[in-house]
């Protein structure tokens, strides 16, 4: 799967997804794109999954027509995220086009 990390998603998380092609918005020069533009750009390049820490995304965007799967992490804290990578990996692996999942990180 092609996975895109939003600005707040800790980049070291990519190492937990070795079977996937992971890019960051920053690496692609998309750091200044707003959420709607970013999602459209990701879909235009056939990304399968968008991982973000923006818990307000579902209130700011109409996600019903989106083809990209969206995974929302409940925190930006790498120390908290790095102890539960399997939770994130299983969610990414189970994601389907247009799905939306929020992961509560303890």
PDB file of N, CA and C in Angstrom:
ATOM      1  N   UNK A   1       0.836  -1.188   0.000  1.00  0.00           N
ATOM      2  CA  UNK A   1       0.000   0.000   0.000  1.00  0.00           C
ATOM      3  C   UNK A   1       0.876   1.245   0.000  1.00  0.00           C
ATOM      4  N   UNK A   2       0.359   2.275  -0.637  1.00  0.00           N
ATOM      5  CA  UNK A   2       1.036   3.580  -0.593  1.00  0.00           C
ATOM      6  C   UNK A   2       0.423   4.375   0.557  1.00  0.00           C
ATOM      7  N   UNK A   3       1.263   4.796   1.489  1.00  0.00           N
ATOM      8  CA  UNK A   3       0.825   5.477   2.697  1.00  0.00           C
ATOM      9  C   UNK A   3       1.409   6.884   2.726  1.00  0.00           C
ATOM     10  N   UNK A   4       0.554   7.856   3.060  1.00  0.00           N
ATOM     11  CA  UNK A   4       0.998   9.241   3.209  1.00  0.00           C
ATOM     12  C   UNK A   4       0.840   9.674   4.650  1.00  0.00           C
ATOM     13  N   UNK A   5       1.918  10.216   5.229  1.00  0.00           N
ATOM     14  CA  UNK A   5       1.883  10.780   6.572  1.00  0.00           C
ATOM     15  C   UNK A   5       1.620  12.277   6.479  1.00  0.00           C
ATOM     16  N   UNK A   6       0.700  12.753   7.276  1.00  0.00           N
ATOM     17  CA  UNK A   6       0.436  14.177   7.411  1.00  0.00           C
ATOM     18  C   UNK A   6       1.563  14.814   8.226  1.00  0.00           C
ATOM     19  N   UNK A   7       1.559  16.127   8.318  1.00  0.00           N
ATOM     20  CA  UNK A   7       2.618  16.866   9.023  1.00  0.00           C
ATOM     21  C   UNK A   7       2.834  16.412  10.467  1.00  0.00           C
ATOM     22  N   UNK A   8       1.782  16.141  11.221  1.00  0.00           N
ATOM     23  CA  UNK A   8       1.929  15.800  12.638  1.00  0.00           C
ATOM     24  C   UNK A   8       2.245  14.348  12.914  1.00  0.00           C
ATOM     25  N   UNK A   9       2.202  13.516  11.899  1.00  0.00           N
ATOM     26  CA  UNK A   9       2.467  12.087  12.085  1.00  0.00           C
ATOM     27  C   UNK A   9       3.971  11.872  12.246  1.00  0.00           C
ATOM     28  N   UNK A  10       4.394  11.259  13.357  1.00  0.00           N
ATOM     29  CA  UNK A  10       5.829  11.062  13.575  1.00  0.00           C
ATOM     30  C   UNK A  10       6.465  10.198  12.478  1.00  0.00           C
ATOM     31  N   UNK A  11       7.466  10.734  11.797  1.00  0.00           N
ATOM     32  CA  UNK A  11       8.125  10.037  10.692  1.00  0.00           C
ATOM     33  C   UNK A  11       8.721   8.682  11.082  1.00  0.00           C
ATOM     34  N   UNK A  12       9.239   8.496  12.317  1.00  0.00           N
ATOM     35  CA  UNK A  12       9.785   7.182  12.661  1.00  0.00           C
ATOM     36  C   UNK A  12       8.758   6.042  12.593  1.00  0.00           C
ATOM     37  N   UNK A  13       7.478   6.379  12.570  1.00  0.00           N
ATOM     38  CA  UNK A  13       6.437   5.357  12.461  1.00  0.00           C
ATOM     39  C   UNK A  13       6.572   4.579  11.156  1.00  0.00           C
ATOM     40  N   UNK A  14       7.193   5.177  10.153  1.00  0.00           N
ATOM     41  CA  UNK A  14       7.353   4.501   8.856  1.00  0.00           C
ATOM     42  C   UNK A  14       8.092   3.176   9.008  1.00  0.00           C
ATOM     43  N   UNK A  15       8.963   3.051  10.019  1.00  0.00           N
ATOM     44  CA  UNK A  15       9.730   1.822  10.214  1.00  0.00           C
ATOM     45  C   UNK A  15       8.851   0.664  10.702  1.00  0.00           C
ATOM     46  N   UNK A  16       7.668   0.968  11.201  1.00  0.00           N
ATOM     47  CA  UNK A  16       6.726  -0.071  11.625  1.00  0.00           C
ATOM     48  C   UNK A  16       5.910  -0.589  10.440  1.00  0.00           C
ATOM     49  N   UNK A  17       6.077   0.049   9.268  1.00  0.00           N
ATOM     50  CA  UNK A  17       5.295  -0.304   8.082  1.00  0.00           C
ATOM     51  C   UNK A  17       6.219  -0.749   6.937  1.00  0.00           C
ATOM     52  N   UNK A  18       7.086  -1.751   7.161  1.00  0.00           N
ATOM     53  CA  UNK A  18       8.079  -2.112   6.149  1.00  0.00           C
ATOM     54  C   UNK A  18       7.493  -2.649   4.845  1.00  0.00           C
ATOM     55  N   UNK A  19       6.307  -3.187   4.876  1.00  0.00           N
ATOM     56  CA  UNK A  19       5.702  -3.734   3.661  1.00  0.00           C
ATOM     57  C   UNK A  19       4.964  -2.698   2.839  1.00  0.00           C
ATOM     58  N   UNK A  20       5.034  -1.444   3.261  1.00  0.00           N
ATOM     59  CA  UNK A  20       4.305  -0.375   2.601  1.00  0.00           C
ATOM     60  C   UNK A  20       5.270   0.692   2.094  1.00  0.00           C
ATOM     61  N   UNK A  21       4.831   1.420   1.094  1.00  0.00           N
ATOM     62  CA  UNK A  21       5.600   2.546   0.583  1.00  0.00           C
ATOM     63  C   UNK A  21       5.103   3.796   1.303  1.00  0.00           C
ATOM     64  N   UNK A  22       5.940   4.355   2.167  1.00  0.00           N
ATOM     65  CA  UNK A  22       5.537   5.479   3.012  1.00  0.00           C
ATOM     66  C   UNK A  22       6.217   6.767   2.555  1.00  0.00           C
ATOM     67  N   UNK A  23       5.412   7.818   2.403  1.00  0.00           N
ATOM     68  CA  UNK A  23       5.919   9.156   2.090  1.00  0.00           C
ATOM     69  C   UNK A  23       5.319  10.124   3.096  1.00  0.00           C
ATOM     70  N   UNK A  24       5.985  11.254   3.272  1.00  0.00           N
ATOM     71  CA  UNK A  24       5.427  12.293   4.137  1.00  0.00           C
ATOM     72  C   UNK A  24       5.024  13.481   3.278  1.00  0.00           C
ATOM     73  N   UNK A  25       4.074  14.246   3.785  1.00  0.00           N
ATOM     74  CA  UNK A  25       3.649  15.450   3.069  1.00  0.00           C
ATOM     75  C   UNK A  25       4.848  16.376   2.868  1.00  0.00           C
ATOM     76  N   UNK A  26       5.707  16.468   3.858  1.00  0.00           N
ATOM     77  CA  UNK A  26       6.896  17.313   3.764  1.00  0.00           C
ATOM     78  C   UNK A  26       7.815  16.858   2.627  1.00  0.00           C
ATOM     79  N   UNK A  27       8.079  15.558   2.554  1.00  0.00           N
ATOM     80  CA  UNK A  27       8.961  15.023   1.518  1.00  0.00           C
ATOM     81  C   UNK A  27       8.457  15.318   0.110  1.00  0.00           C
ATOM     82  N   UNK A  28       7.142  15.355  -0.041  1.00  0.00           N
ATOM     83  CA  UNK A  28       6.537  15.581  -1.348  1.00  0.00           C
ATOM     84  C   UNK A  28       6.356  17.062  -1.671  1.00  0.00           C
ATOM     85  N   UNK A  29       6.773  17.923  -0.732  1.00  0.00           N
ATOM     86  CA  UNK A  29       6.613  19.364  -0.945  1.00  0.00           C
ATOM     87  C   UNK A  29       5.198  19.848  -0.715  1.00  0.00           C
ATOM     88  N   UNK A  30       4.432  19.083   0.041  1.00  0.00           N
ATOM     89  CA  UNK A  30       3.025  19.389   0.295  1.00  0.00           C
ATOM     90  C   UNK A  30       2.787  19.950   1.694  1.00  0.00           C
ATOM     91  N   UNK A  31       3.819  20.416   2.354  1.00  0.00           N
ATOM     92  CA  UNK A  31       3.705  20.874   3.743  1.00  0.00           C
ATOM     93  C   UNK A  31       2.735  22.037   3.906  1.00  0.00           C
ATOM     94  N   UNK A  32       2.551  22.838   2.867  1.00  0.00           N
ATOM     95  CA  UNK A  32       1.672  24.002   2.989  1.00  0.00           C
ATOM     96  C   UNK A  32       0.242  23.732   2.523  1.00  0.00           C
ATOM     97  N   UNK A  33      -0.015  22.534   1.998  1.00  0.00           N
ATOM     98  CA  UNK A  33      -1.373  22.224   1.543  1.00  0.00           C
ATOM     99  C   UNK A  33      -2.307  22.039   2.729  1.00  0.00           C
ATOM    100  N   UNK A  34      -3.496  22.564   2.604  1.00  0.00           N
ATOM    101  CA  UNK A  34      -4.533  22.364   3.627  1.00  0.00           C
ATOM    102  C   UNK A  34      -5.124  20.975   3.435  1.00  0.00           C
ATOM    103  N   UNK A  35      -5.897  20.499   4.412  1.00  0.00           N
ATOM    104  CA  UNK A  35      -6.379  19.121   4.394  1.00  0.00           C
ATOM    105  C   UNK A  35      -7.103  18.715   3.117  1.00  0.00           C
ATOM    106  N   UNK A  36      -8.044  19.519   2.643  1.00  0.00           N
ATOM    107  CA  UNK A  36      -8.782  19.159   1.438  1.00  0.00           C
ATOM    108  C   UNK A  36      -7.865  19.046   0.235  1.00  0.00           C
ATOM    109  N   UNK A  37      -6.956  19.999   0.092  1.00  0.00           N
ATOM    110  CA  UNK A  37      -5.990  19.971  -1.012  1.00  0.00           C
ATOM    111  C   UNK A  37      -5.034  18.788  -0.876  1.00  0.00           C
ATOM    112  N   UNK A  38      -4.628  18.516   0.346  1.00  0.00           N
ATOM    113  CA  UNK A  38      -3.702  17.419   0.608  1.00  0.00           C
ATOM    114  C   UNK A  38      -4.347  16.073   0.279  1.00  0.00           C
ATOM    115  N   UNK A  39      -5.587  15.890   0.683  1.00  0.00           N
ATOM    116  CA  UNK A  39      -6.292  14.646   0.381  1.00  0.00           C
ATOM    117  C   UNK A  39      -6.481  14.483  -1.124  1.00  0.00           C
ATOM    118  N   UNK A  40      -6.825  15.561  -1.810  1.00  0.00           N
ATOM    119  CA  UNK A  40      -7.003  15.505  -3.265  1.00  0.00           C
ATOM    120  C   UNK A  40      -5.681  15.163  -3.960  1.00  0.00           C
ATOM    121  N   UNK A  41      -4.589  15.773  -3.510  1.00  0.00           N
ATOM    122  CA  UNK A  41      -3.276  15.496  -4.094  1.00  0.00           C
ATOM    123  C   UNK A  41      -2.887  14.036  -3.862  1.00  0.00           C
ATOM    124  N   UNK A  42      -3.147  13.532  -2.658  1.00  0.00           N
ATOM    125  CA  UNK A  42      -2.819  12.144  -2.331  1.00  0.00           C
ATOM    126  C   UNK A  42      -3.625  11.180  -3.199  1.00  0.00           C
ATOM    127  N   UNK A  43      -4.887  11.466  -3.376  1.00  0.00           N
ATOM    128  CA  UNK A  43      -5.722  10.612  -4.222  1.00  0.00           C
ATOM    129  C   UNK A  43      -5.274  10.672  -5.683  1.00  0.00           C
ATOM    130  N   UNK A  44      -4.848  11.840  -6.136  1.00  0.00           N
ATOM    131  CA  UNK A  44      -4.415  11.974  -7.533  1.00  0.00           C
ATOM    132  C   UNK A  44      -3.151  11.164  -7.819  1.00  0.00           C
ATOM    133  N   UNK A  45      -2.349  10.905  -6.782  1.00  0.00           N
ATOM    134  CA  UNK A  45      -1.146  10.084  -6.937  1.00  0.00           C
ATOM    135  C   UNK A  45      -1.361   8.646  -6.457  1.00  0.00           C
ATOM    136  N   UNK A  46      -2.619   8.274  -6.277  1.00  0.00           N
ATOM    137  CA  UNK A  46      -3.020   6.900  -5.924  1.00  0.00           C
ATOM    138  C   UNK A  46      -2.486   6.406  -4.585  1.00  0.00           C
ATOM    139  N   UNK A  47      -2.414   7.300  -3.591  1.00  0.00           N
ATOM    140  CA  UNK A  47      -2.106   6.844  -2.236  1.00  0.00           C
ATOM    141  C   UNK A  47      -3.314   6.070  -1.730  1.00  0.00           C
ATOM    142  N   UNK A  48      -3.052   5.031  -0.962  1.00  0.00           N
ATOM    143  CA  UNK A  48      -4.129   4.194  -0.432  1.00  0.00           C
ATOM    144  C   UNK A  48      -4.584   4.631   0.951  1.00  0.00           C
ATOM    145  N   UNK A  49      -3.625   5.094   1.771  1.00  0.00           N
ATOM    146  CA  UNK A  49      -3.908   5.416   3.171  1.00  0.00           C
ATOM    147  C   UNK A  49      -3.269   6.753   3.530  1.00  0.00           C
ATOM    148  N   UNK A  50      -4.016   7.559   4.262  1.00  0.00           N
ATOM    149  CA  UNK A  50      -3.541   8.840   4.782  1.00  0.00           C
ATOM    150  C   UNK A  50      -3.543   8.725   6.297  1.00  0.00           C
ATOM    151  N   UNK A  51      -2.379   8.895   6.925  1.00  0.00           N
ATOM    152  CA  UNK A  51      -2.285   8.833   8.391  1.00  0.00           C
ATOM    153  C   UNK A  51      -2.054  10.243   8.901  1.00  0.00           C
ATOM    154  N   UNK A  52      -2.926  10.662   9.809  1.00  0.00           N
ATOM    155  CA  UNK A  52      -2.882  12.017  10.348  1.00  0.00           C
ATOM    156  C   UNK A  52      -3.098  11.996  11.858  1.00  0.00           C
ATOM    157  N   UNK A  53      -2.790  13.103  12.491  1.00  0.00           N
ATOM    158  CA  UNK A  53      -3.078  13.271  13.921  1.00  0.00           C
ATOM    159  C   UNK A  53      -4.140  14.352  14.105  1.00  0.00           C
ATOM    160  N   UNK A  54      -4.718  14.805  13.006  1.00  0.00           N
ATOM    161  CA  UNK A  54      -5.737  15.864  13.037  1.00  0.00           C
ATOM    162  C   UNK A  54      -7.096  15.263  13.376  1.00  0.00           C
ATOM    163  N   UNK A  55      -7.434  15.297  14.651  1.00  0.00           N
ATOM    164  CA  UNK A  55      -8.694  14.703  15.103  1.00  0.00           C
ATOM    165  C   UNK A  55      -9.912  15.513  14.678  1.00  0.00           C
ATOM    166  N   UNK A  56      -9.711  16.713  14.166  1.00  0.00           N
ATOM    167  CA  UNK A  56     -10.829  17.540  13.690  1.00  0.00           C
ATOM    168  C   UNK A  56     -11.105  17.343  12.205  1.00  0.00           C
ATOM    169  N   UNK A  57     -10.338  16.519  11.537  1.00  0.00           N
ATOM    170  CA  UNK A  57     -10.466  16.325  10.096  1.00  0.00           C
ATOM    171  C   UNK A  57     -11.893  15.984   9.682  1.00  0.00           C
ATOM    172  N   UNK A  58     -12.541  15.094  10.419  1.00  0.00           N
ATOM    173  CA  UNK A  58     -13.891  14.672  10.027  1.00  0.00           C
ATOM    174  C   UNK A  58     -14.907  15.804  10.143  1.00  0.00           C
ATOM    175  N   UNK A  59     -14.602  16.827  10.921  1.00  0.00           N
ATOM    176  CA  UNK A  59     -15.503  17.975  11.057  1.00  0.00           C
ATOM    177  C   UNK A  59     -15.186  19.054  10.024  1.00  0.00           C
ATOM    178  N   UNK A  60     -13.964  19.055   9.516  1.00  0.00           N
ATOM    179  CA  UNK A  60     -13.511  20.096   8.593  1.00  0.00           C
ATOM    180  C   UNK A  60     -13.690  19.722   7.130  1.00  0.00           C
ATOM    181  N   UNK A  61     -13.789  18.432   6.837  1.00  0.00           N
ATOM    182  CA  UNK A  61     -13.845  17.959   5.454  1.00  0.00           C
ATOM    183  C   UNK A  61     -15.039  17.040   5.237  1.00  0.00           C
ATOM    184  N   UNK A  62     -15.570  17.068   4.031  1.00  0.00           N
ATOM    185  CA  UNK A  62     -16.582  16.099   3.636  1.00  0.00           C
ATOM    186  C   UNK A  62     -15.822  14.870   3.152  1.00  0.00           C
ATOM    187  N   UNK A  63     -15.848  13.806   3.918  1.00  0.00           N
ATOM    188  CA  UNK A  63     -15.038  12.629   3.626  1.00  0.00           C
ATOM    189  C   UNK A  63     -15.803  11.548   2.868  1.00  0.00           C
ATOM    190  N   UNK A  64     -17.080  11.751   2.653  1.00  0.00           N
ATOM    191  CA  UNK A  64     -17.909  10.718   2.032  1.00  0.00           C
ATOM    192  C   UNK A  64     -17.464  10.338   0.625  1.00  0.00           C
ATOM    193  N   UNK A  65     -16.964  11.275  -0.137  1.00  0.00           N
ATOM    194  CA  UNK A  65     -16.585  10.979  -1.526  1.00  0.00           C
ATOM    195  C   UNK A  65     -15.100  10.625  -1.672  1.00  0.00           C
ATOM    196  N   UNK A  66     -14.392  10.523  -0.580  1.00  0.00           N
ATOM    197  CA  UNK A  66     -12.953  10.230  -0.628  1.00  0.00           C
ATOM    198  C   UNK A  66     -12.704   8.756  -0.919  1.00  0.00           C
ATOM    199  N   UNK A  67     -11.693   8.503  -1.760  1.00  0.00           N
ATOM    200  CA  UNK A  67     -11.294   7.133  -2.081  1.00  0.00           C
ATOM    201  C   UNK A  67     -10.167   6.653  -1.161  1.00  0.00           C
ATOM    202  N   UNK A  68      -9.438   7.597  -0.597  1.00  0.00           N
ATOM    203  CA  UNK A  68      -8.308   7.249   0.261  1.00  0.00           C
ATOM    204  C   UNK A  68      -8.808   6.849   1.649  1.00  0.00           C
ATOM    205  N   UNK A  69      -8.185   5.837   2.228  1.00  0.00           N
ATOM    206  CA  UNK A  69      -8.504   5.447   3.603  1.00  0.00           C
ATOM    207  C   UNK A  69      -7.821   6.441   4.535  1.00  0.00           C
ATOM    208  N   UNK A  70      -8.504   6.808   5.597  1.00  0.00           N
ATOM    209  CA  UNK A  70      -7.953   7.776   6.550  1.00  0.00           C
ATOM    210  C   UNK A  70      -7.831   7.121   7.921  1.00  0.00           C
ATOM    211  N   UNK A  71      -6.624   7.201   8.482  1.00  0.00           N
ATOM    212  CA  UNK A  71      -6.353   6.690   9.821  1.00  0.00           C
ATOM    213  C   UNK A  71      -5.911   7.876  10.667  1.00  0.00           C
ATOM    214  N   UNK A  72      -6.638   8.117  11.757  1.00  0.00           N
ATOM    215  CA  UNK A  72      -6.348   9.248  12.637  1.00  0.00           C
ATOM    216  C   UNK A  72      -5.763   8.727  13.941  1.00  0.00           C
ATOM    217  N   UNK A  73      -4.557   9.187  14.248  1.00  0.00           N
ATOM    218  CA  UNK A  73      -3.913   8.822  15.512  1.00  0.00           C
ATOM    219  C   UNK A  73      -4.341   9.831  16.569  1.00  0.00           C
ATOM    220  N   UNK A  74      -4.665   9.349  17.748  1.00  0.00           N
ATOM    221  CA  UNK A  74      -5.163  10.203  18.813  1.00  0.00           C
ATOM    222  C   UNK A  74      -4.134  11.084  19.490  1.00  0.00           C
ATOM    223  N   UNK A  75      -2.880  11.024  19.049  1.00  0.00           N
ATOM    224  CA  UNK A  75      -1.821  11.840  19.628  1.00  0.00           C
ATOM    225  C   UNK A  75      -0.695  12.036  18.615  1.00  0.00           C
ATOM    226  N   UNK A  76       0.103  13.061  18.833  1.00  0.00           N
ATOM    227  CA  UNK A  76       1.308  13.265  18.025  1.00  0.00           C
ATOM    228  C   UNK A  76       2.545  12.771  18.774  1.00  0.00           C
ATOM    229  N   UNK A  77       2.369  12.298  19.983  1.00  0.00           N
ATOM    230  CA  UNK A  77       3.481  11.913  20.853  1.00  0.00           C
ATOM    231  C   UNK A  77       4.154  10.615  20.392  1.00  0.00           C
ATOM    232  N   UNK A  78       5.364  10.745  19.857  1.00  0.00           N
ATOM    233  CA  UNK A  78       6.101   9.568  19.423  1.00  0.00           C
ATOM    234  C   UNK A  78       6.355   8.587  20.564  1.00  0.00           C
ATOM    235  N   UNK A  79       6.720   9.027  21.777  1.00  0.00           N
ATOM    236  CA  UNK A  79       6.915   8.065  22.865  1.00  0.00           C
ATOM    237  C   UNK A  79       5.664   7.213  23.138  1.00  0.00           C
ATOM    238  N   UNK A  80       4.487   7.773  22.957  1.00  0.00           N
ATOM    239  CA  UNK A  80       3.250   7.006  23.163  1.00  0.00           C
ATOM    240  C   UNK A  80       2.935   6.129  21.957  1.00  0.00           C
ATOM    241  N   UNK A  81       3.170   6.639  20.766  1.00  0.00           N
ATOM    242  CA  UNK A  81       2.860   5.891  19.546  1.00  0.00           C
ATOM    243  C   UNK A  81       3.796   4.694  19.379  1.00  0.00           C
ATOM    244  N   UNK A  82       5.067   4.873  19.710  1.00  0.00           N
ATOM    245  CA  UNK A  82       6.042   3.808  19.449  1.00  0.00           C
ATOM    246  C   UNK A  82       5.840   2.559  20.300  1.00  0.00           C
ATOM    247  N   UNK A  83       5.035   2.643  21.356  1.00  0.00           N
ATOM    248  CA  UNK A  83       4.796   1.441  22.164  1.00  0.00           C
ATOM    249  C   UNK A  83       3.590   0.635  21.679  1.00  0.00           C
ATOM    250  N   UNK A  84       2.845   1.165  20.694  1.00  0.00           N
ATOM    251  CA  UNK A  84       1.678   0.438  20.171  1.00  0.00           C
ATOM    252  C   UNK A  84       1.669   0.374  18.635  1.00  0.00           C
ATOM    253  N   UNK A  85       2.813   0.101  18.012  1.00  0.00           N
ATOM    254  CA  UNK A  85       2.826   0.109  16.546  1.00  0.00           C
ATOM    255  C   UNK A  85       1.919  -0.951  15.930  1.00  0.00           C
ATOM    256  N   UNK A  86       1.760  -2.077  16.615  1.00  0.00           N
ATOM    257  CA  UNK A  86       0.924  -3.148  16.061  1.00  0.00           C
ATOM    258  C   UNK A  86      -0.532  -2.709  15.884  1.00  0.00           C
ATOM    259  N   UNK A  87      -1.004  -1.830  16.754  1.00  0.00           N
ATOM    260  CA  UNK A  87      -2.362  -1.299  16.647  1.00  0.00           C
ATOM    261  C   UNK A  87      -2.503  -0.493  15.349  1.00  0.00           C
ATOM    262  N   UNK A  88      -1.499   0.283  15.047  1.00  0.00           N
ATOM    263  CA  UNK A  88      -1.523   1.123  13.849  1.00  0.00           C
ATOM    264  C   UNK A  88      -1.345   0.259  12.598  1.00  0.00           C
ATOM    265  N   UNK A  89      -0.410  -0.661  12.640  1.00  0.00           N
ATOM    266  CA  UNK A  89      -0.151  -1.538  11.501  1.00  0.00           C
ATOM    267  C   UNK A  89      -1.394  -2.350  11.152  1.00  0.00           C
ATOM    268  N   UNK A  90      -2.047  -2.928  12.150  1.00  0.00           N
ATOM    269  CA  UNK A  90      -3.242  -3.736  11.866  1.00  0.00           C
ATOM    270  C   UNK A  90      -4.358  -2.880  11.281  1.00  0.00           C
ATOM    271  N   UNK A  91      -4.471  -1.642  11.737  1.00  0.00           N
ATOM    272  CA  UNK A  91      -5.491  -0.742  11.195  1.00  0.00           C
ATOM    273  C   UNK A  91      -5.174  -0.387   9.746  1.00  0.00           C
ATOM    274  N   UNK A  92      -3.923  -0.075   9.464  1.00  0.00           N
ATOM    275  CA  UNK A  92      -3.518   0.235   8.088  1.00  0.00           C
ATOM    276  C   UNK A  92      -3.757  -0.970   7.188  1.00  0.00           C
ATOM    277  N   UNK A  93      -3.360  -2.150   7.642  1.00  0.00           N
ATOM    278  CA  UNK A  93      -3.518  -3.358   6.835  1.00  0.00           C
ATOM    279  C   UNK A  93      -4.979  -3.692   6.556  1.00  0.00           C
ATOM    280  N   UNK A  94      -5.861  -3.342   7.471  1.00  0.00           N
ATOM    281  CA  UNK A  94      -7.289  -3.644   7.312  1.00  0.00           C
ATOM    282  C   UNK A  94      -8.060  -2.522   6.619  1.00  0.00           C
ATOM    283  N   UNK A  95      -7.408  -1.413   6.341  1.00  0.00           N
ATOM    284  CA  UNK A  95      -8.122  -0.274   5.767  1.00  0.00           C
ATOM    285  C   UNK A  95      -8.569  -0.570   4.340  1.00  0.00           C
ATOM    286  N   UNK A  96      -9.685   0.039   4.000  1.00  0.00           N
ATOM    287  CA  UNK A  96     -10.246  -0.103   2.658  1.00  0.00           C
ATOM    288  C   UNK A  96     -10.511   1.283   2.095  1.00  0.00           C
ATOM    289  N   UNK A  97     -10.643   1.354   0.800  1.00  0.00           N
ATOM    290  CA  UNK A  97     -10.863   2.638   0.134  1.00  0.00           C
ATOM    291  C   UNK A  97     -12.022   3.379   0.764  1.00  0.00           C
ATOM    292  N   UNK A  98     -11.776   4.636   1.129  1.00  0.00           N
ATOM    293  CA  UNK A  98     -12.810   5.485   1.697  1.00  0.00           C
ATOM    294  C   UNK A  98     -13.105   5.282   3.171  1.00  0.00           C
ATOM    295  N   UNK A  99     -12.396   4.363   3.828  1.00  0.00           N
ATOM    296  CA  UNK A  99     -12.660   4.128   5.247  1.00  0.00           C
ATOM    297  C   UNK A  99     -12.061   5.235   6.110  1.00  0.00           C
ATOM    298  N   UNK A 100     -12.601   5.360   7.329  1.00  0.00           N
ATOM    299  CA  UNK A 100     -12.134   6.349   8.287  1.00  0.00           C
ATOM    300  C   UNK A 100     -12.078   5.682   9.648  1.00  0.00           C
ATOM    301  N   UNK A 101     -10.881   5.683  10.267  1.00  0.00           N
ATOM    302  CA  UNK A 101     -10.709   5.039  11.566  1.00  0.00           C
ATOM    303  C   UNK A 101      -9.897   5.950  12.470  1.00  0.00           C
ATOM    304  N   UNK A 102     -10.379   6.118  13.700  1.00  0.00           N
ATOM    305  CA  UNK A 102      -9.624   6.842  14.710  1.00  0.00           C
ATOM    306  C   UNK A 102      -9.041   5.830  15.681  1.00  0.00           C
ATOM    307  N   UNK A 103      -7.756   5.987  15.995  1.00  0.00           N
ATOM    308  CA  UNK A 103      -7.080   5.095  16.927  1.00  0.00           C
ATOM    309  C   UNK A 103      -6.787   5.850  18.208  1.00  0.00           C
ATOM    310  N   UNK A 104      -7.361   5.388  19.304  1.00  0.00           N
ATOM    311  CA  UNK A 104      -7.062   5.995  20.618  1.00  0.00           C
ATOM    312  C   UNK A 104      -5.726   5.429  21.082  1.00  0.00           C
ATOM    313  N   UNK A 105      -4.770   6.297  21.300  1.00  0.00           N
ATOM    314  CA  UNK A 105      -3.434   5.877  21.743  1.00  0.00           C
ATOM    315  C   UNK A 105      -3.359   6.106  23.253  1.00  0.00           C
ATOM    316  N   UNK A 106      -3.108   5.017  24.013  1.00  0.00           N
ATOM    317  CA  UNK A 106      -3.055   5.166  25.480  1.00  0.00           C
ATOM    318  C   UNK A 106      -1.903   6.045  25.940  1.00  0.00           C
TER     319      UNK A 106
END
